[in-house]
Protein backbone atom coordinates (compact mmCIF):
# COMPACT_ATOMS: atom_id res chain seq x y z
CA MET A 1 143.65 127.59 85.57
CA THR A 2 144.69 126.57 88.57
CA ARG A 3 144.74 122.65 87.43
CA ALA A 4 147.42 124.15 84.64
CA ILE A 5 149.43 126.27 86.97
CA LEU A 6 149.49 123.27 89.62
CA GLU A 7 150.52 120.85 86.57
CA GLY A 8 153.37 122.84 85.42
CA LEU A 9 154.43 124.02 89.41
CA VAL A 10 154.52 120.42 90.43
CA LEU A 11 156.51 118.83 87.12
CA PHE A 12 158.69 121.99 87.30
CA PHE A 13 159.60 121.31 91.34
CA LEU A 14 159.56 117.31 90.55
CA PRO A 15 163.17 117.19 89.78
CA PHE A 16 164.32 119.36 92.74
CA ALA A 17 162.06 117.06 94.83
CA VAL A 18 163.50 113.38 93.01
CA PHE A 19 167.38 115.50 94.02
CA ALA A 20 166.34 115.82 97.25
CA GLY A 21 165.43 112.15 97.92
CA TYR A 22 168.58 111.11 96.40
CA LEU A 23 170.11 113.33 99.34
CA ILE A 24 168.30 112.05 101.93
CA LEU A 25 169.20 108.41 101.17
CA GLN A 26 172.73 109.14 100.79
CA GLY A 27 172.71 109.83 104.79
CA GLN A 28 173.39 113.84 103.32
CA SER A 29 170.77 116.86 104.42
CA PRO A 30 168.98 118.35 101.32
CA LEU A 31 168.79 121.41 103.83
CA HIS A 32 172.85 122.43 103.64
CA PRO A 33 173.47 124.52 101.18
CA GLU A 34 176.40 123.42 100.07
CA VAL A 35 175.11 120.16 98.55
CA TRP A 36 173.33 122.35 95.88
CA SER A 37 176.30 123.39 94.40
CA ARG A 38 175.66 125.74 90.87
CA LYS A 39 176.31 122.60 88.68
CA ALA A 40 173.35 120.82 90.17
CA LEU A 41 170.93 123.57 90.54
CA SER A 42 172.01 124.26 86.61
CA TRP A 43 171.16 120.75 85.83
CA LEU A 44 168.43 120.52 87.64
CA THR A 45 167.12 123.94 86.38
CA ILE A 46 167.47 122.12 82.82
CA VAL A 47 165.47 118.97 83.34
CA ALA A 48 163.03 121.34 85.12
CA LEU A 49 161.57 123.14 81.94
CA ALA A 50 162.75 120.20 79.34
CA LEU A 51 159.83 118.10 81.73
CA CYS A 52 157.56 121.27 81.59
CA ILE A 53 157.80 121.68 77.77
CA ALA A 54 157.37 118.18 77.58
CA GLY A 55 153.93 118.29 79.90
CA VAL A 56 152.70 121.15 76.99
CA VAL A 57 153.41 118.76 74.31
CA VAL A 58 151.71 116.30 76.10
CA ILE A 59 148.77 117.58 77.77
CA GLY A 60 147.78 119.77 74.48
CA ALA A 61 148.91 116.00 72.37
CA ARG A 62 145.91 113.69 74.16
CA ARG A 63 143.64 117.58 74.91
CA THR A 64 140.30 116.61 73.00
CA THR A 65 138.16 119.38 71.22
CA GLU A 66 134.20 119.64 70.96
CA LEU A 67 132.93 120.26 67.71
CA GLY A 68 130.08 122.01 67.51
CA ALA A 69 128.29 124.98 69.27
CA PHE A 70 127.56 124.86 72.69
CA VAL A 71 124.98 126.01 74.52
CA PRO A 72 125.54 127.51 77.46
CA SER A 73 123.86 125.90 80.80
CA HIS A 74 119.87 127.06 81.47
CA VAL A 75 116.35 126.70 82.28
CA GLY A 76 114.45 124.22 80.25
CA LYS A 77 110.52 124.96 79.66
CA ASP A 78 109.40 122.65 82.22
CA GLY A 79 111.47 124.47 84.77
CA GLN A 80 114.15 121.62 84.52
CA PHE A 81 118.12 123.02 84.73
CA VAL A 82 119.74 121.89 81.54
CA PRO A 83 123.72 122.28 82.03
CA GLY A 84 125.75 123.76 79.08
CA GLN A 85 126.59 120.98 76.02
CA PHE A 86 128.36 120.93 72.73
CA GLN A 87 125.36 120.80 69.63
CA ARG A 88 126.14 118.79 66.52
């Protein structure tokens, strides 16, 4: 769950970080509010949301589904730990 939240946050804040880097390369300070115009923030937010949606689609498409029944971890007959697994 934490990984999913962090992936979403990284994808959302990536355009803002790239824009801040662009401002630094242009010799402007990204800490001054006047360089973050309403138009720039609007476009950055739209791009950020599009990246989040694309990330969900790509991660969902690449996700593998396990078939079969899940057997939870347990201690076997010989006293050895058996990790959880899918049985087909």
